[in-house]
Amino acid sequence: ATFATGDIPSYSVLDAQINYAVPSIKSVFKLGGSNLTGQEYFSAVGTGNIGSLYYLSWTINP
């Protein structure tokens, strides 16, 4: 059985990430985002829209 059929338009999205390493504390800080322009899109028929995602992380390497 088929769930749904239809056309999915093409989209361009802008993703970016900045990394900052601090060797003295064996750490890397990351700041980034996906779909920075904020235009919602969908990637499959019958699914919800995808918006922007922003994140900040701190990784400690022992």
PDB file of N, CA and C in Angstrom:
ATOM      1  N   ALA A   1       0.844  -1.181   0.000  1.00  0.00           N
ATOM      2  CA  ALA A   1       0.000   0.000   0.000  1.00  0.00           C
ATOM      3  C   ALA A   1       0.885   1.239   0.000  1.00  0.00           C
ATOM      4  N   THR A   2       0.442   2.250  -0.684  1.00  0.00           N
ATOM      5  CA  THR A   2       1.164   3.507  -0.766  1.00  0.00           C
ATOM      6  C   THR A   2       0.609   4.483   0.257  1.00  0.00           C
ATOM      7  N   PHE A   3       1.494   5.124   0.992  1.00  0.00           N
ATOM      8  CA  PHE A   3       1.068   6.107   1.993  1.00  0.00           C
ATOM      9  C   PHE A   3       0.561   7.370   1.323  1.00  0.00           C
ATOM     10  N   ALA A   4       1.375   7.928   0.431  1.00  0.00           N
ATOM     11  CA  ALA A   4       0.990   9.161  -0.251  1.00  0.00           C
ATOM     12  C   ALA A   4       1.870   9.352  -1.472  1.00  0.00           C
ATOM     13  N   THR A   5       1.353  10.053  -2.448  1.00  0.00           N
ATOM     14  CA  THR A   5       2.137  10.409  -3.620  1.00  0.00           C
ATOM     15  C   THR A   5       2.026  11.907  -3.838  1.00  0.00           C
ATOM     16  N   GLY A   6       3.032  12.478  -4.415  1.00  0.00           N
ATOM     17  CA  GLY A   6       3.005  13.909  -4.688  1.00  0.00           C
ATOM     18  C   GLY A   6       4.384  14.424  -5.012  1.00  0.00           C
ATOM     19  N   ASP A   7       4.430  15.668  -5.401  1.00  0.00           N
ATOM     20  CA  ASP A   7       5.696  16.313  -5.735  1.00  0.00           C
ATOM     21  C   ASP A   7       6.255  17.045  -4.518  1.00  0.00           C
ATOM     22  N   ILE A   8       7.565  17.013  -4.413  1.00  0.00           N
ATOM     23  CA  ILE A   8       8.259  17.744  -3.352  1.00  0.00           C
ATOM     24  C   ILE A   8       9.116  18.803  -4.036  1.00  0.00           C
ATOM     25  N   PRO A   9       8.836  20.072  -3.788  1.00  0.00           N
ATOM     26  CA  PRO A   9       9.630  21.120  -4.439  1.00  0.00           C
ATOM     27  C   PRO A   9      11.068  21.144  -3.913  1.00  0.00           C
ATOM     28  N   SER A  10      11.964  21.681  -4.729  1.00  0.00           N
ATOM     29  CA  SER A  10      13.360  21.787  -4.293  1.00  0.00           C
ATOM     30  C   SER A  10      13.531  23.004  -3.385  1.00  0.00           C
ATOM     31  N   TYR A  11      14.449  22.887  -2.442  1.00  0.00           N
ATOM     32  CA  TYR A  11      14.731  23.953  -1.488  1.00  0.00           C
ATOM     33  C   TYR A  11      16.230  24.073  -1.308  1.00  0.00           C
ATOM     34  N   SER A  12      16.665  25.236  -0.953  1.00  0.00           N
ATOM     35  CA  SER A  12      18.050  25.458  -0.535  1.00  0.00           C
ATOM     36  C   SER A  12      18.009  25.931   0.913  1.00  0.00           C
ATOM     37  N   VAL A  13      18.892  25.376   1.726  1.00  0.00           N
ATOM     38  CA  VAL A  13      18.964  25.790   3.125  1.00  0.00           C
ATOM     39  C   VAL A  13      20.400  26.195   3.436  1.00  0.00           C
ATOM     40  N   LEU A  14      20.545  27.051   4.428  1.00  0.00           N
ATOM     41  CA  LEU A  14      21.856  27.526   4.851  1.00  0.00           C
ATOM     42  C   LEU A  14      22.127  27.018   6.259  1.00  0.00           C
ATOM     43  N   ASP A  15      23.186  26.209   6.398  1.00  0.00           N
ATOM     44  CA  ASP A  15      23.617  25.683   7.691  1.00  0.00           C
ATOM     45  C   ASP A  15      25.006  26.249   7.995  1.00  0.00           C
ATOM     46  N   ALA A  16      25.309  26.447   9.268  1.00  0.00           N
ATOM     47  CA  ALA A  16      26.633  26.953   9.646  1.00  0.00           C
ATOM     48  C   ALA A  16      26.992  26.480  11.049  1.00  0.00           C
ATOM     49  N   GLN A  17      28.307  26.367  11.287  1.00  0.00           N
ATOM     50  CA  GLN A  17      28.793  25.981  12.612  1.00  0.00           C
ATOM     51  C   GLN A  17      30.146  26.636  12.844  1.00  0.00           C
ATOM     52  N   ILE A  18      30.357  27.108  14.059  1.00  0.00           N
ATOM     53  CA  ILE A  18      31.641  27.675  14.475  1.00  0.00           C
ATOM     54  C   ILE A  18      32.161  26.829  15.636  1.00  0.00           C
ATOM     55  N   ASN A  19      33.424  26.401  15.544  1.00  0.00           N
ATOM     56  CA  ASN A  19      34.061  25.626  16.604  1.00  0.00           C
ATOM     57  C   ASN A  19      35.163  26.466  17.243  1.00  0.00           C
ATOM     58  N   TYR A  20      35.303  26.345  18.558  1.00  0.00           N
ATOM     59  CA  TYR A  20      36.369  27.041  19.283  1.00  0.00           C
ATOM     60  C   TYR A  20      37.013  26.044  20.245  1.00  0.00           C
ATOM     61  N   ALA A  21      38.267  25.694  19.971  1.00  0.00           N
ATOM     62  CA  ALA A  21      38.990  24.727  20.806  1.00  0.00           C
ATOM     63  C   ALA A  21      39.760  25.451  21.907  1.00  0.00           C
ATOM     64  N   VAL A  22      39.700  24.874  23.113  1.00  0.00           N
ATOM     65  CA  VAL A  22      40.450  25.395  24.262  1.00  0.00           C
ATOM     66  C   VAL A  22      41.308  24.238  24.786  1.00  0.00           C
ATOM     67  N   PRO A  23      42.526  24.094  24.246  1.00  0.00           N
ATOM     68  CA  PRO A  23      43.375  22.955  24.620  1.00  0.00           C
ATOM     69  C   PRO A  23      43.695  22.872  26.109  1.00  0.00           C
ATOM     70  N   SER A  24      43.803  24.005  26.791  1.00  0.00           N
ATOM     71  CA  SER A  24      44.177  23.986  28.211  1.00  0.00           C
ATOM     72  C   SER A  24      43.152  23.258  29.078  1.00  0.00           C
ATOM     73  N   ILE A  25      41.894  23.222  28.646  1.00  0.00           N
ATOM     74  CA  ILE A  25      40.862  22.480  29.393  1.00  0.00           C
ATOM     75  C   ILE A  25      40.315  21.309  28.570  1.00  0.00           C
ATOM     76  N   LYS A  26      41.056  20.956  27.498  1.00  0.00           N
ATOM     77  CA  LYS A  26      40.706  19.822  26.633  1.00  0.00           C
ATOM     78  C   LYS A  26      39.247  19.889  26.185  1.00  0.00           C
ATOM     79  N   SER A  27      38.840  21.050  25.708  1.00  0.00           N
ATOM     80  CA  SER A  27      37.435  21.263  25.360  1.00  0.00           C
ATOM     81  C   SER A  27      37.275  21.888  23.979  1.00  0.00           C
ATOM     82  N   VAL A  28      36.109  21.641  23.401  1.00  0.00           N
ATOM     83  CA  VAL A  28      35.704  22.285  22.151  1.00  0.00           C
ATOM     84  C   VAL A  28      34.291  22.818  22.354  1.00  0.00           C
ATOM     85  N   PHE A  29      34.097  24.087  22.036  1.00  0.00           N
ATOM     86  CA  PHE A  29      32.778  24.711  22.088  1.00  0.00           C
ATOM     87  C   PHE A  29      32.270  24.856  20.661  1.00  0.00           C
ATOM     88  N   LYS A  30      31.001  24.551  20.449  1.00  0.00           N
ATOM     89  CA  LYS A  30      30.407  24.638  19.117  1.00  0.00           C
ATOM     90  C   LYS A  30      29.115  25.440  19.185  1.00  0.00           C
ATOM     91  N   LEU A  31      28.936  26.309  18.202  1.00  0.00           N
ATOM     92  CA  LEU A  31      27.721  27.100  18.056  1.00  0.00           C
ATOM     93  C   LEU A  31      27.301  26.984  16.604  1.00  0.00           C
ATOM     94  N   GLY A  32      26.044  26.626  16.377  1.00  0.00           N
ATOM     95  CA  GLY A  32      25.627  26.448  14.998  1.00  0.00           C
ATOM     96  C   GLY A  32      24.135  26.459  14.824  1.00  0.00           C
ATOM     97  N   GLY A  33      23.757  26.273  13.569  1.00  0.00           N
ATOM     98  CA  GLY A  33      22.341  26.241  13.252  1.00  0.00           C
ATOM     99  C   GLY A  33      22.097  25.621  11.893  1.00  0.00           C
ATOM    100  N   SER A  34      20.893  25.118  11.717  1.00  0.00           N
ATOM    101  CA  SER A  34      20.433  24.561  10.448  1.00  0.00           C
ATOM    102  C   SER A  34      19.265  25.392   9.949  1.00  0.00           C
ATOM    103  N   ASN A  35      19.211  25.587   8.648  1.00  0.00           N
ATOM    104  CA  ASN A  35      18.160  26.380   8.009  1.00  0.00           C
ATOM    105  C   ASN A  35      18.120  27.786   8.613  1.00  0.00           C
ATOM    106  N   LEU A  36      19.233  28.475   8.552  1.00  0.00           N
ATOM    107  CA  LEU A  36      19.363  29.794   9.179  1.00  0.00           C
ATOM    108  C   LEU A  36      18.437  30.847   8.578  1.00  0.00           C
ATOM    109  N   THR A  37      17.995  30.657   7.354  1.00  0.00           N
ATOM    110  CA  THR A  37      17.082  31.631   6.743  1.00  0.00           C
ATOM    111  C   THR A  37      15.677  31.523   7.309  1.00  0.00           C
ATOM    112  N   GLY A  38      15.356  30.400   7.950  1.00  0.00           N
ATOM    113  CA  GLY A  38      14.070  30.244   8.625  1.00  0.00           C
ATOM    114  C   GLY A  38      12.887  29.904   7.747  1.00  0.00           C
ATOM    115  N   GLN A  39      13.106  29.701   6.444  1.00  0.00           N
ATOM    116  CA  GLN A  39      11.980  29.343   5.578  1.00  0.00           C
ATOM    117  C   GLN A  39      11.643  27.866   5.780  1.00  0.00           C
ATOM    118  N   GLU A  40      10.401  27.595   6.196  1.00  0.00           N
ATOM    119  CA  GLU A  40       9.993  26.219   6.454  1.00  0.00           C
ATOM    120  C   GLU A  40       9.863  25.441   5.150  1.00  0.00           C
ATOM    121  N   TYR A  41      10.156  24.137   5.222  1.00  0.00           N
ATOM    122  CA  TYR A  41      10.045  23.260   4.058  1.00  0.00           C
ATOM    123  C   TYR A  41       9.667  21.875   4.535  1.00  0.00           C
ATOM    124  N   PHE A  42       9.336  20.986   3.616  1.00  0.00           N
ATOM    125  CA  PHE A  42       9.067  19.599   3.982  1.00  0.00           C
ATOM    126  C   PHE A  42       9.887  18.692   3.081  1.00  0.00           C
ATOM    127  N   SER A  43      10.246  17.511   3.597  1.00  0.00           N
ATOM    128  CA  SER A  43      11.131  16.610   2.867  1.00  0.00           C
ATOM    129  C   SER A  43      10.449  15.334   2.398  1.00  0.00           C
ATOM    130  N   ALA A  44       9.188  15.139   2.753  1.00  0.00           N
ATOM    131  CA  ALA A  44       8.427  13.972   2.304  1.00  0.00           C
ATOM    132  C   ALA A  44       6.945  14.324   2.323  1.00  0.00           C
ATOM    133  N   VAL A  45       6.198  13.722   1.421  1.00  0.00           N
ATOM    134  CA  VAL A  45       4.758  13.964   1.351  1.00  0.00           C
ATOM    135  C   VAL A  45       4.105  13.442   2.631  1.00  0.00           C
ATOM    136  N   GLY A  46       3.240  14.232   3.224  1.00  0.00           N
ATOM    137  CA  GLY A  46       2.521  13.816   4.423  1.00  0.00           C
ATOM    138  C   GLY A  46       3.243  14.102   5.726  1.00  0.00           C
ATOM    139  N   THR A  47       4.393  14.755   5.654  1.00  0.00           N
ATOM    140  CA  THR A  47       5.127  15.076   6.882  1.00  0.00           C
ATOM    141  C   THR A  47       4.962  16.551   7.224  1.00  0.00           C
ATOM    142  N   GLY A  48       5.366  16.917   8.413  1.00  0.00           N
ATOM    143  CA  GLY A  48       5.271  18.308   8.844  1.00  0.00           C
ATOM    144  C   GLY A  48       6.394  19.158   8.282  1.00  0.00           C
ATOM    145  N   ASN A  49       6.263  20.451   8.478  1.00  0.00           N
ATOM    146  CA  ASN A  49       7.290  21.385   8.017  1.00  0.00           C
ATOM    147  C   ASN A  49       8.508  21.346   8.926  1.00  0.00           C
ATOM    148  N   ILE A  50       9.652  21.615   8.324  1.00  0.00           N
ATOM    149  CA  ILE A  50      10.910  21.671   9.052  1.00  0.00           C
ATOM    150  C   ILE A  50      11.314  23.135   9.152  1.00  0.00           C
ATOM    151  N   GLY A  51      11.581  23.607  10.350  1.00  0.00           N
ATOM    152  CA  GLY A  51      11.990  25.001  10.554  1.00  0.00           C
ATOM    153  C   GLY A  51      13.471  25.089  10.851  1.00  0.00           C
ATOM    154  N   SER A  52      13.855  26.079  11.613  1.00  0.00           N
ATOM    155  CA  SER A  52      15.260  26.291  11.973  1.00  0.00           C
ATOM    156  C   SER A  52      15.610  25.538  13.251  1.00  0.00           C
ATOM    157  N   LEU A  53      16.889  25.213  13.390  1.00  0.00           N
ATOM    158  CA  LEU A  53      17.403  24.546  14.580  1.00  0.00           C
ATOM    159  C   LEU A  53      18.711  25.231  14.954  1.00  0.00           C
ATOM    160  N   TYR A  54      18.847  25.610  16.220  1.00  0.00           N
ATOM    161  CA  TYR A  54      20.067  26.250  16.710  1.00  0.00           C
ATOM    162  C   TYR A  54      20.616  25.433  17.875  1.00  0.00           C
ATOM    163  N   TYR A  55      21.942  25.405  18.010  1.00  0.00           N
ATOM    164  CA  TYR A  55      22.524  24.603  19.083  1.00  0.00           C
ATOM    165  C   TYR A  55      23.824  25.207  19.592  1.00  0.00           C
ATOM    166  N   LEU A  56      24.147  24.845  20.819  1.00  0.00           N
ATOM    167  CA  LEU A  56      25.395  25.207  21.481  1.00  0.00           C
ATOM    168  C   LEU A  56      25.862  23.959  22.216  1.00  0.00           C
ATOM    169  N   SER A  57      27.124  23.584  22.036  1.00  0.00           N
ATOM    170  CA  SER A  57      27.611  22.391  22.733  1.00  0.00           C
ATOM    171  C   SER A  57      28.995  22.642  23.325  1.00  0.00           C
ATOM    172  N   TRP A  58      29.292  21.851  24.331  1.00  0.00           N
ATOM    173  CA  TRP A  58      30.594  21.879  24.992  1.00  0.00           C
ATOM    174  C   TRP A  58      31.044  20.428  25.111  1.00  0.00           C
ATOM    175  N   THR A  59      32.139  20.092  24.439  1.00  0.00           N
ATOM    176  CA  THR A  59      32.671  18.736  24.458  1.00  0.00           C
ATOM    177  C   THR A  59      33.992  18.733  25.214  1.00  0.00           C
ATOM    178  N   ILE A  60      34.104  17.829  26.189  1.00  0.00           N
ATOM    179  CA  ILE A  60      35.339  17.684  26.962  1.00  0.00           C
ATOM    180  C   ILE A  60      35.982  16.366  26.555  1.00  0.00           C
ATOM    181  N   ASN A  61      37.231  16.436  26.100  1.00  0.00           N
ATOM    182  CA  ASN A  61      37.962  15.241  25.696  1.00  0.00           C
ATOM    183  C   ASN A  61      38.965  14.884  26.787  1.00  0.00           C
ATOM    184  N   PRO A  62      38.779  13.742  27.431  1.00  0.00           N
ATOM    185  CA  PRO A  62      39.688  13.358  28.528  1.00  0.00           C
ATOM    186  C   PRO A  62      41.097  13.062  28.044  1.00  0.00           C
TER     187      PRO A  62
END
